[in-house]
C-alpha atoms as a PDB file:
ATOM      1  CA  MET A   1      91.289 134.121  79.252  1.00  0.00           C
ATOM      2  CA  ALA A   2      92.654 135.988  76.258  1.00  0.00           C
ATOM      3  CA  PRO A   3      96.076 137.651  76.584  1.00  0.00           C
ATOM      4  CA  PRO A   4      96.361 141.460  76.737  1.00  0.00           C
ATOM      5  CA  ARG A   5      95.576 143.070  73.431  1.00  0.00           C
ATOM      6  CA  ALA A   6      98.271 144.783  71.396  1.00  0.00           C
ATOM      7  CA  GLY A   7      95.734 146.601  69.213  1.00  0.00           C
ATOM      8  CA  SER A   8      94.057 149.844  70.180  1.00  0.00           C
ATOM      9  CA  ALA A   9      90.433 148.766  70.813  1.00  0.00           C
ATOM     10  CA  ARG A  10      89.113 150.518  67.755  1.00  0.00           C
ATOM     11  CA  ARG A  11      87.714 149.874  64.302  1.00  0.00           C
ATOM     12  CA  SER A  12      89.507 151.147  61.233  1.00  0.00           C
ATOM     13  CA  ARG A  13      89.781 150.570  57.500  1.00  0.00           C
ATOM     14  CA  ILE A  14      92.753 149.563  55.362  1.00  0.00           C
ATOM     15  CA  GLU A  15      92.636 149.399  51.556  1.00  0.00           C
ATOM     16  CA  SER A  16      96.300 149.710  50.585  1.00  0.00           C
ATOM     17  CA  LEU A  17      98.451 146.627  50.033  1.00  0.00           C
ATOM     18  CA  SER A  18     101.446 148.715  51.047  1.00  0.00           C
ATOM     19  CA  ASN A  19     100.024 149.545  54.479  1.00  0.00           C
ATOM     20  CA  PRO A  20     102.734 148.940  57.142  1.00  0.00           C
ATOM     21  CA  LEU A  21     100.458 146.769  59.296  1.00  0.00           C
ATOM     22  CA  VAL A  22      99.529 144.604  56.314  1.00  0.00           C
ATOM     23  CA  LYS A  23     103.201 144.174  55.434  1.00  0.00           C
ATOM     24  CA  ARG A  24     104.031 143.279  59.019  1.00  0.00           C
ATOM     25  CA  MET A  25     101.194 140.759  59.399  1.00  0.00           C
ATOM     26  CA  ARG A  26     101.968 139.182  56.025  1.00  0.00           C
ATOM     27  CA  LEU A  27     105.391 138.202  57.370  1.00  0.00           C
ATOM     28  CA  LEU A  28     103.699 135.959  59.938  1.00  0.00           C
ATOM     29  CA  ARG A  29     103.559 133.285  57.242  1.00  0.00           C
ATOM     30  CA  GLU A  30     107.272 132.824  57.983  1.00  0.00           C
ATOM     31  CA  LYS A  31     108.380 130.981  61.115  1.00  0.00           C
ATOM     32  CA  ARG A  32     111.149 133.392  62.089  1.00  0.00           C
ATOM     33  CA  HIS A  33     108.774 136.326  62.043  1.00  0.00           C
ATOM     34  CA  ARG A  34     106.179 134.431  64.074  1.00  0.00           C
ATOM     35  CA  ARG A  35     108.840 133.730  66.671  1.00  0.00           C
ATOM     36  CA  ALA A  36     110.024 137.332  66.704  1.00  0.00           C
ATOM     37  CA  GLU A  37     106.507 138.732  67.045  1.00  0.00           C
ATOM     38  CA  GLY A  38     105.019 136.016  69.268  1.00  0.00           C
ATOM     39  CA  LEU A  39     102.002 136.062  66.960  1.00  0.00           C
ATOM     40  CA  PHE A  40     100.327 133.723  64.497  1.00  0.00           C
ATOM     41  CA  LEU A  41      97.600 133.957  61.871  1.00  0.00           C
ATOM     42  CA  ALA A  42      94.318 132.049  61.747  1.00  0.00           C
ATOM     43  CA  GLU A  43      92.024 132.254  58.733  1.00  0.00           C
ATOM     44  CA  GLY A  44      88.302 131.704  58.563  1.00  0.00           C
ATOM     45  CA  LEU A  45      85.183 132.652  60.508  1.00  0.00           C
ATOM     46  CA  ARG A  46      84.708 129.108  61.792  1.00  0.00           C
ATOM     47  CA  ILE A  47      88.199 128.924  63.307  1.00  0.00           C
ATOM     48  CA  ALA A  48      87.932 132.437  64.743  1.00  0.00           C
ATOM     49  CA  THR A  49      84.574 131.539  66.294  1.00  0.00           C
ATOM     50  CA  GLU A  50      86.047 128.362  67.818  1.00  0.00           C
ATOM     51  CA  ALA A  51      88.748 130.557  69.327  1.00  0.00           C
ATOM     52  CA  ARG A  52      86.205 133.041  70.707  1.00  0.00           C
ATOM     53  CA  GLU A  53      84.179 130.247  72.269  1.00  0.00           C
ATOM     54  CA  ALA A  54      87.386 128.963  73.877  1.00  0.00           C
ATOM     55  CA  GLY A  55      88.004 132.421  75.354  1.00  0.00           C
ATOM     56  CA  VAL A  56      90.763 133.393  72.894  1.00  0.00           C
ATOM     57  CA  LEU A  57      90.410 136.632  70.953  1.00  0.00           C
ATOM     58  CA  PRO A  58      92.587 138.183  68.246  1.00  0.00           C
ATOM     59  CA  GLN A  59      94.765 141.221  68.711  1.00  0.00           C
ATOM     60  CA  TRP A  60      93.862 142.250  65.163  1.00  0.00           C
ATOM     61  CA  LEU A  61      90.792 141.071  63.273  1.00  0.00           C
ATOM     62  CA  PHE A  62      90.693 141.639  59.497  1.00  0.00           C
ATOM     63  CA  LEU A  63      87.291 141.441  57.781  1.00  0.00           C
ATOM     64  CA  ALA A  64      86.620 141.517  54.043  1.00  0.00           C
ATOM     65  CA  ASP A  65      83.860 143.751  52.757  1.00  0.00           C
ATOM     66  CA  GLU A  66      81.864 141.076  50.994  1.00  0.00           C
ATOM     67  CA  GLY A  67      79.546 139.274  53.373  1.00  0.00           C
ATOM     68  CA  ALA A  68      81.662 138.912  56.488  1.00  0.00           C
ATOM     69  CA  ALA A  69      80.682 141.980  58.460  1.00  0.00           C
ATOM     70  CA  GLY A  70      76.964 141.188  58.400  1.00  0.00           C
ATOM     71  CA  HIS A  71      77.220 137.568  59.509  1.00  0.00           C
ATOM     72  CA  PRO A  72      75.905 137.006  63.069  1.00  0.00           C
ATOM     73  CA  LEU A  73      79.047 135.117  64.078  1.00  0.00           C
ATOM     74  CA  ALA A  74      81.200 137.889  62.635  1.00  0.00           C
ATOM     75  CA  LYS A  75      79.245 140.499  64.570  1.00  0.00           C
ATOM     76  CA  ALA A  76      79.762 138.552  67.792  1.00  0.00           C
ATOM     77  CA  LEU A  77      83.455 138.226  67.004  1.00  0.00           C
ATOM     78  CA  VAL A  78      83.807 141.950  66.317  1.00  0.00           C
ATOM     79  CA  GLU A  79      82.061 142.889  69.554  1.00  0.00           C
ATOM     80  CA  ALA A  80      84.171 140.500  71.616  1.00  0.00           C
ATOM     81  CA  THR A  81      87.413 141.626  69.984  1.00  0.00           C
ATOM     82  CA  LEU A  82      86.702 145.300  70.619  1.00  0.00           C
ATOM     83  CA  ALA A  83      85.577 144.604  74.186  1.00  0.00           C
ATOM     84  CA  ALA A  84      88.888 142.833  74.839  1.00  0.00           C
ATOM     85  CA  GLY A  85      90.891 145.779  73.491  1.00  0.00           C
ATOM     86  CA  GLY A  86      91.664 144.400  70.048  1.00  0.00           C
ATOM     87  CA  GLU A  87      91.518 146.238  66.740  1.00  0.00           C
ATOM     88  CA  VAL A  88      88.994 145.409  64.022  1.00  0.00           C
ATOM     89  CA  ILE A  89      90.056 146.256  60.474  1.00  0.00           C
ATOM     90  CA  ASP A  90      87.650 146.349  57.557  1.00  0.00           C
ATOM     91  CA  THR A  91      89.554 145.578  54.397  1.00  0.00           C
ATOM     92  CA  THR A  92      89.440 143.987  50.935  1.00  0.00           C
ATOM     93  CA  PRO A  93      89.698 140.396  49.645  1.00  0.00           C
ATOM     94  CA  ALA A  94      92.996 141.374  47.974  1.00  0.00           C
ATOM     95  CA  ILE A  95      94.525 142.246  51.329  1.00  0.00           C
ATOM     96  CA  LEU A  96      93.208 139.059  52.943  1.00  0.00           C
ATOM     97  CA  SER A  97      94.799 137.161  50.061  1.00  0.00           C
ATOM     98  CA  LYS A  98      98.094 138.904  50.779  1.00  0.00           C
ATOM     99  CA  LEU A  99      97.849 137.994  54.458  1.00  0.00           C
ATOM    100  CA  SER A 100      96.862 134.355  54.010  1.00  0.00           C
ATOM    101  CA  GLY A 101      98.845 133.580  50.880  1.00  0.00           C
ATOM    102  CA  LYS A 102      95.741 132.108  49.211  1.00  0.00           C
ATOM    103  CA  ASP A 103      94.208 133.220  45.924  1.00  0.00           C
ATOM    104  CA  ASN A 104      90.701 132.687  47.307  1.00  0.00           C
ATOM    105  CA  PRO A 105      90.969 133.647  50.962  1.00  0.00           C
ATOM    106  CA  GLN A 106      88.191 133.336  53.478  1.00  0.00           C
ATOM    107  CA  THR A 107      86.549 136.527  54.686  1.00  0.00           C
ATOM    108  CA  VAL A 108      88.120 136.651  58.158  1.00  0.00           C
ATOM    109  CA  VAL A 109      91.746 136.631  59.315  1.00  0.00           C
ATOM    110  CA  GLY A 110      92.686 136.901  62.981  1.00  0.00           C
ATOM    111  CA  ILE A 111      96.108 137.653  64.423  1.00  0.00           C
ATOM    112  CA  TYR A 112      96.595 135.916  67.788  1.00  0.00           C
ATOM    113  CA  ALA A 113      99.212 135.864  70.515  1.00  0.00           C
ATOM    114  CA  GLU A 114     101.116 132.584  70.577  1.00  0.00           C
ATOM    115  CA  PRO A 115     100.476 130.767  73.867  1.00  0.00           C
ATOM    116  CA  LYS A 116     103.561 129.839  75.859  1.00  0.00           C
ATOM    117  CA  THR A 117     102.810 126.538  77.582  1.00  0.00           C
ATOM    118  CA  ALA A 118     105.508 124.516  79.316  1.00  0.00           C
ATOM    119  CA  LEU A 119     105.354 120.992  80.686  1.00  0.00           C
ATOM    120  CA  ALA A 120     105.206 122.451  84.181  1.00  0.00           C
ATOM    121  CA  ASP A 121     101.977 124.254  83.219  1.00  0.00           C
ATOM    122  CA  ILE A 122     100.158 121.011  82.435  1.00  0.00           C
ATOM    123  CA  ASP A 123      97.727 119.455  84.888  1.00  0.00           C
ATOM    124  CA  ARG A 124      98.102 115.853  83.784  1.00  0.00           C
ATOM    125  CA  ASP A 125      94.962 114.859  85.711  1.00  0.00           C
ATOM    126  CA  ALA A 126      92.844 117.331  83.777  1.00  0.00           C
ATOM    127  CA  ALA A 127      92.234 114.758  81.027  1.00  0.00           C
ATOM    128  CA  PRO A 128      92.455 110.967  80.674  1.00  0.00           C
ATOM    129  CA  ILE A 129      94.286 111.106  77.326  1.00  0.00           C
ATOM    130  CA  TRP A 130      97.290 113.111  76.124  1.00  0.00           C
ATOM    131  CA  LEU A 131      98.823 112.859  72.664  1.00  0.00           C
ATOM    132  CA  VAL A 132     102.607 112.948  72.313  1.00  0.00           C
ATOM    133  CA  ALA A 133     104.239 113.210  68.876  1.00  0.00           C
ATOM    134  CA  GLU A 134     107.955 112.762  68.232  1.00  0.00           C
ATOM    135  CA  ARG A 135     109.544 114.685  65.331  1.00  0.00           C
ATOM    136  CA  LEU A 136     106.202 115.226  63.627  1.00  0.00           C
ATOM    137  CA  ARG A 137     106.954 116.794  60.255  1.00  0.00           C
ATOM    138  CA  ASP A 138     103.676 117.341  58.459  1.00  0.00           C
ATOM    139  CA  PRO A 139     101.505 120.313  59.521  1.00  0.00           C
ATOM    140  CA  GLY A 140      98.427 118.499  58.244  1.00  0.00           C
ATOM    141  CA  ASN A 141      99.139 115.593  60.587  1.00  0.00           C
ATOM    142  CA  LEU A 142      99.669 118.018  63.440  1.00  0.00           C
ATOM    143  CA  GLY A 143      96.358 119.748  62.807  1.00  0.00           C
ATOM    144  CA  THR A 144      94.574 116.403  62.499  1.00  0.00           C
ATOM    145  CA  MET A 145      96.022 115.218  65.811  1.00  0.00           C
ATOM    146  CA  LEU A 146      94.737 118.354  67.487  1.00  0.00           C
ATOM    147  CA  ARG A 147      91.269 117.733  66.021  1.00  0.00           C
ATOM    148  CA  THR A 148      91.410 114.132  67.236  1.00  0.00           C
ATOM    149  CA  GLY A 149      92.452 115.287  70.688  1.00  0.00           C
ATOM    150  CA  ASP A 150      89.529 117.667  70.826  1.00  0.00           C
ATOM    151  CA  ALA A 151      87.141 114.944  69.682  1.00  0.00           C
ATOM    152  CA  VAL A 152      88.188 112.403  72.339  1.00  0.00           C
ATOM    153  CA  GLY A 153      88.467 114.899  75.184  1.00  0.00           C
ATOM    154  CA  ALA A 154      92.265 114.785  75.334  1.00  0.00           C
ATOM    155  CA  GLY A 155      94.155 117.365  77.325  1.00  0.00           C
ATOM    156  CA  GLY A 156      96.432 118.376  74.518  1.00  0.00           C
ATOM    157  CA  LEU A 157      99.372 117.570  72.276  1.00  0.00           C
ATOM    158  CA  ILE A 158     103.006 117.445  73.378  1.00  0.00           C
ATOM    159  CA  LEU A 159     105.419 117.888  70.467  1.00  0.00           C
ATOM    160  CA  LEU A 160     108.846 116.376  71.032  1.00  0.00           C
ATOM    161  CA  ASP A 161     112.190 117.308  69.531  1.00  0.00           C
ATOM    162  CA  ASP A 162     112.286 118.918  66.073  1.00  0.00           C
ATOM    163  CA  SER A 163     108.627 118.821  65.114  1.00  0.00           C
ATOM    164  CA  THR A 164     106.934 121.089  62.597  1.00  0.00           C
ATOM    165  CA  ASP A 165     105.831 124.542  63.729  1.00  0.00           C
ATOM    166  CA  PRO A 166     102.315 124.248  65.210  1.00  0.00           C
ATOM    167  CA  TRP A 167     101.631 127.926  64.560  1.00  0.00           C
ATOM    168  CA  SER A 168     102.129 127.782  60.792  1.00  0.00           C
ATOM    169  CA  VAL A 169      99.175 128.787  58.649  1.00  0.00           C
ATOM    170  CA  GLU A 170      98.913 125.203  57.368  1.00  0.00           C
ATOM    171  CA  ALA A 171      98.860 123.595  60.817  1.00  0.00           C
ATOM    172  CA  VAL A 172      96.368 126.110  62.211  1.00  0.00           C
ATOM    173  CA  ARG A 173      94.112 125.613  59.198  1.00  0.00           C
ATOM    174  CA  ALA A 174      94.289 121.816  59.493  1.00  0.00           C
ATOM    175  CA  SER A 175      93.345 121.980  63.175  1.00  0.00           C
ATOM    176  CA  MET A 176      89.966 123.511  62.291  1.00  0.00           C
ATOM    177  CA  GLY A 177      90.015 125.489  65.539  1.00  0.00           C
ATOM    178  CA  ALA A 178      91.285 122.714  67.816  1.00  0.00           C
ATOM    179  CA  ILE A 179      94.545 124.587  68.263  1.00  0.00           C
ATOM    180  CA  PHE A 180      92.523 126.895  70.523  1.00  0.00           C
ATOM    181  CA  THR A 181      90.879 124.114  72.560  1.00  0.00           C
ATOM    182  CA  GLN A 182      93.883 121.836  73.122  1.00  0.00           C
ATOM    183  CA  ARG A 183      96.945 122.534  75.252  1.00  0.00           C
ATOM    184  CA  LEU A 184     100.047 122.492  73.073  1.00  0.00           C
ATOM    185  CA  VAL A 185     103.561 122.046  74.439  1.00  0.00           C
ATOM    186  CA  GLN A 186     106.915 121.864  72.666  1.00  0.00           C
ATOM    187  CA  ALA A 187     109.671 120.018  74.555  1.00  0.00           C
ATOM    188  CA  ARG A 188     112.724 117.824  74.196  1.00  0.00           C
ATOM    189  CA  TRP A 189     112.618 114.111  75.014  1.00  0.00           C
ATOM    190  CA  ASP A 190     115.103 114.558  77.844  1.00  0.00           C
ATOM    191  CA  GLU A 191     112.726 117.124  79.367  1.00  0.00           C
ATOM    192  CA  PHE A 192     109.535 115.179  78.780  1.00  0.00           C
ATOM    193  CA  LEU A 193     110.500 111.799  80.225  1.00  0.00           C
ATOM    194  CA  PRO A 194     111.652 113.071  83.669  1.00  0.00           C
ATOM    195  CA  TRP A 195     108.536 115.254  83.866  1.00  0.00           C
ATOM    196  CA  LEU A 196     106.313 112.280  83.027  1.00  0.00           C
ATOM    197  CA  ARG A 197     107.969 110.014  85.590  1.00  0.00           C
ATOM    198  CA  ALA A 198     107.587 112.636  88.309  1.00  0.00           C
ATOM    199  CA  GLY A 199     103.823 112.092  88.420  1.00  0.00           C
ATOM    200  CA  ARG A 200     100.960 109.843  87.414  1.00  0.00           C
ATOM    201  CA  GLY A 201     100.559 108.593  83.872  1.00  0.00           C
ATOM    202  CA  GLY A 202     101.477 105.681  81.657  1.00  0.00           C
ATOM    203  CA  LEU A 203     103.461 106.057  78.452  1.00  0.00           C
ATOM    204  CA  VAL A 204     102.121 103.966  75.555  1.00  0.00           C
ATOM    205  CA  ALA A 205     104.279 103.780  72.420  1.00  0.00           C
ATOM    206  CA  THR A 206     103.101 102.710  68.970  1.00  0.00           C
ATOM    207  CA  TRP A 207     105.867 100.346  67.898  1.00  0.00           C
ATOM    208  CA  LEU A 208     106.221  97.519  65.403  1.00  0.00           C
ATOM    209  CA  GLY A 209     108.723  95.527  67.450  1.00  0.00           C
ATOM    210  CA  ASP A 210     108.359  91.875  68.441  1.00  0.00           C
ATOM    211  CA  ASP A 211     107.563  92.789  72.045  1.00  0.00           C
ATOM    212  CA  SER A 212     104.594  94.952  71.084  1.00  0.00           C
ATOM    213  CA  LYS A 213     101.135  93.904  72.214  1.00  0.00           C
ATOM    214  CA  ASP A 214      97.908  94.116  70.279  1.00  0.00           C
ATOM    215  CA  TYR A 215      96.513  97.576  70.973  1.00  0.00           C
ATOM    216  CA  GLN A 216      93.153  96.149  72.086  1.00  0.00           C
ATOM    217  CA  ALA A 217      94.735  93.653  74.487  1.00  0.00           C
ATOM    218  CA  VAL A 218      96.044  96.378  76.801  1.00  0.00           C
ATOM    219  CA  ARG A 219      93.989  98.123  79.480  1.00  0.00           C
ATOM    220  CA  TYR A 220      94.809 101.809  79.624  1.00  0.00           C
ATOM    221  CA  ALA A 221      94.772 103.647  82.952  1.00  0.00           C
ATOM    222  CA  ALA A 222      94.249 107.395  83.105  1.00  0.00           C
ATOM    223  CA  PRO A 223      96.081 109.509  82.334  1.00  0.00           C
ATOM    224  CA  THR A 224      97.406 107.751  79.237  1.00  0.00           C
ATOM    225  CA  PHE A 225     100.139 109.412  77.190  1.00  0.00           C
ATOM    226  CA  LEU A 226     100.055 108.084  73.614  1.00  0.00           C
ATOM    227  CA  LEU A 227     103.464 108.347  71.959  1.00  0.00           C
ATOM    228  CA  ILE A 228     103.437 108.488  68.142  1.00  0.00           C
ATOM    229  CA  GLY A 229     106.638 108.418  66.105  1.00  0.00           C
ATOM    230  CA  ASN A 230     107.917 110.298  63.081  1.00  0.00           C
ATOM    231  CA  GLU A 231     105.947 109.762  59.855  1.00  0.00           C
ATOM    232  CA  SER A 232     108.746 108.025  57.936  1.00  0.00           C
ATOM    233  CA  GLN A 233     111.056 106.630  60.613  1.00  0.00           C
ATOM    234  CA  GLY A 234     108.789 105.856  63.544  1.00  0.00           C
ATOM    235  CA  LEU A 235     110.095 106.101  67.099  1.00  0.00           C
ATOM    236  CA  PRO A 236     113.770 105.824  68.009  1.00  0.00           C
ATOM    237  CA  PRO A 237     114.315 102.447  69.731  1.00  0.00           C
ATOM    238  CA  ALA A 238     115.383 104.150  72.976  1.00  0.00           C
ATOM    239  CA  TYR A 239     112.107 106.075  73.110  1.00  0.00           C
ATOM    240  CA  ALA A 240     110.056 102.950  72.547  1.00  0.00           C
ATOM    241  CA  ALA A 241     112.066 101.090  75.195  1.00  0.00           C
ATOM    242  CA  ALA A 242     111.299 103.797  77.751  1.00  0.00           C
ATOM    243  CA  ALA A 243     107.529 103.329  77.351  1.00  0.00           C
ATOM    244  CA  ASP A 244     105.489 101.398  79.888  1.00  0.00           C
ATOM    245  CA  VAL A 245     103.956  99.368  77.096  1.00  0.00           C
ATOM    246  CA  ARG A 246     104.439  99.100  73.342  1.00  0.00           C
ATOM    247  CA  VAL A 247     101.445  98.395  71.129  1.00  0.00           C
ATOM    248  CA  LYS A 248     100.680  97.837  67.472  1.00  0.00           C
ATOM    249  CA  MET A 249      97.620  97.606  65.274  1.00  0.00           C
ATOM    250  CA  PRO A 250      97.036  94.709  62.867  1.00  0.00           C
ATOM    251  CA  MET A 251      98.122  95.410  59.288  1.00  0.00           C
ATOM    252  CA  LEU A 252      96.355  92.973  56.965  1.00  0.00           C
ATOM    253  CA  GLY A 253      97.344  94.517  53.639  1.00  0.00           C
ATOM    254  CA  LYS A 254     100.614  95.421  51.946  1.00  0.00           C
ATOM    255  CA  ALA A 255     101.289  98.575  53.996  1.00  0.00           C
ATOM    256  CA  ASP A 256     103.438  98.085  57.086  1.00  0.00           C
ATOM    257  CA  SER A 257     102.189 101.103  59.045  1.00  0.00           C
ATOM    258  CA  LEU A 258      99.467 103.728  59.283  1.00  0.00           C
ATOM    259  CA  ASN A 259      99.732 107.458  58.779  1.00  0.00           C
ATOM    260  CA  ALA A 260     100.870 109.065  62.047  1.00  0.00           C
ATOM    261  CA  ALA A 261      97.664 111.053  62.528  1.00  0.00           C
ATOM    262  CA  VAL A 262      95.510 108.002  61.718  1.00  0.00           C
ATOM    263  CA  ALA A 263      97.463 105.877  64.191  1.00  0.00           C
ATOM    264  CA  ALA A 264      96.978 108.538  66.853  1.00  0.00           C
ATOM    265  CA  ALA A 265      93.229 108.598  66.155  1.00  0.00           C
ATOM    266  CA  VAL A 266      92.863 104.797  66.322  1.00  0.00           C
ATOM    267  CA  MET A 267      94.763 104.682  69.614  1.00  0.00           C
ATOM    268  CA  ALA A 268      92.924 107.640  71.129  1.00  0.00           C
ATOM    269  CA  TYR A 269      89.532 106.135  70.338  1.00  0.00           C
ATOM    270  CA  GLU A 270      90.568 102.775  71.769  1.00  0.00           C
ATOM    271  CA  VAL A 271      91.461 104.480  75.052  1.00  0.00           C
ATOM    272  CA  LEU A 272      88.221 106.467  74.957  1.00  0.00           C
ATOM    273  CA  ASN A 273      86.100 103.409  74.172  1.00  0.00           C
ATOM    274  CA  GLN A 274      87.615 101.442  77.041  1.00  0.00           C
ATOM    275  CA  ARG A 275      86.615 104.229  79.393  1.00  0.00           C
ATOM    276  CA  ARG A 276      83.122 104.373  77.919  1.00  0.00           C
ATOM    277  CA  ARG A 277      82.674 100.632  78.414  1.00  0.00           C
END
């Protein structure tokens, strides 16, 4: 269910770039303001529709004049937002550009409450696959991992240690709406490992060490937690050592490793395909 709305369940119009609400929402492009407000910004009718279909509605919905308001999906989004107590704001492309930071913004921008999900909130048996990323730095990789998780029916993504902010405009955009369909948890390693060991689930680390097995030679039991390391440094040795099994994929060219999001996708589909077979 969507969180309580902070808007006023009404429809209004804003045309001034100096409007106080526009200035306030524009600051959500910065991490410290997102944290202070507990809000984040999502741009685009497709992403906003994915959120609506997942039962998540914006507190404020900004619509540009040109084309958005008459679209059937936009109409459904407006009706649902108002019914949930949110505020719908008709505005201009210039204001959407100010909000999104893009010269050619899409015609819809939603302002959403940031979910607060802890490890204790996760039902590990709700899905056979969970993605775990350690010190993930690139918001594009984060968004891609969320999309992969959605595609393979994963339960969500657990971000460990000092990973990039999942609620940044770039990460939300890269997720293509999967940030609304996947559970997302931020935790420290020393919180995650005891939680994992307190219940069912095997930890599988991608690791280039000598004791790693071929990723297709291992049989993965549900729930499987796939641990992916930092883009440039990989996993710390202690993290890899704590895994139940370490695996690697064959590298037949000059490169010694795959992109973190690609590695996560290859592993996730191997686990999925084993279950399908």
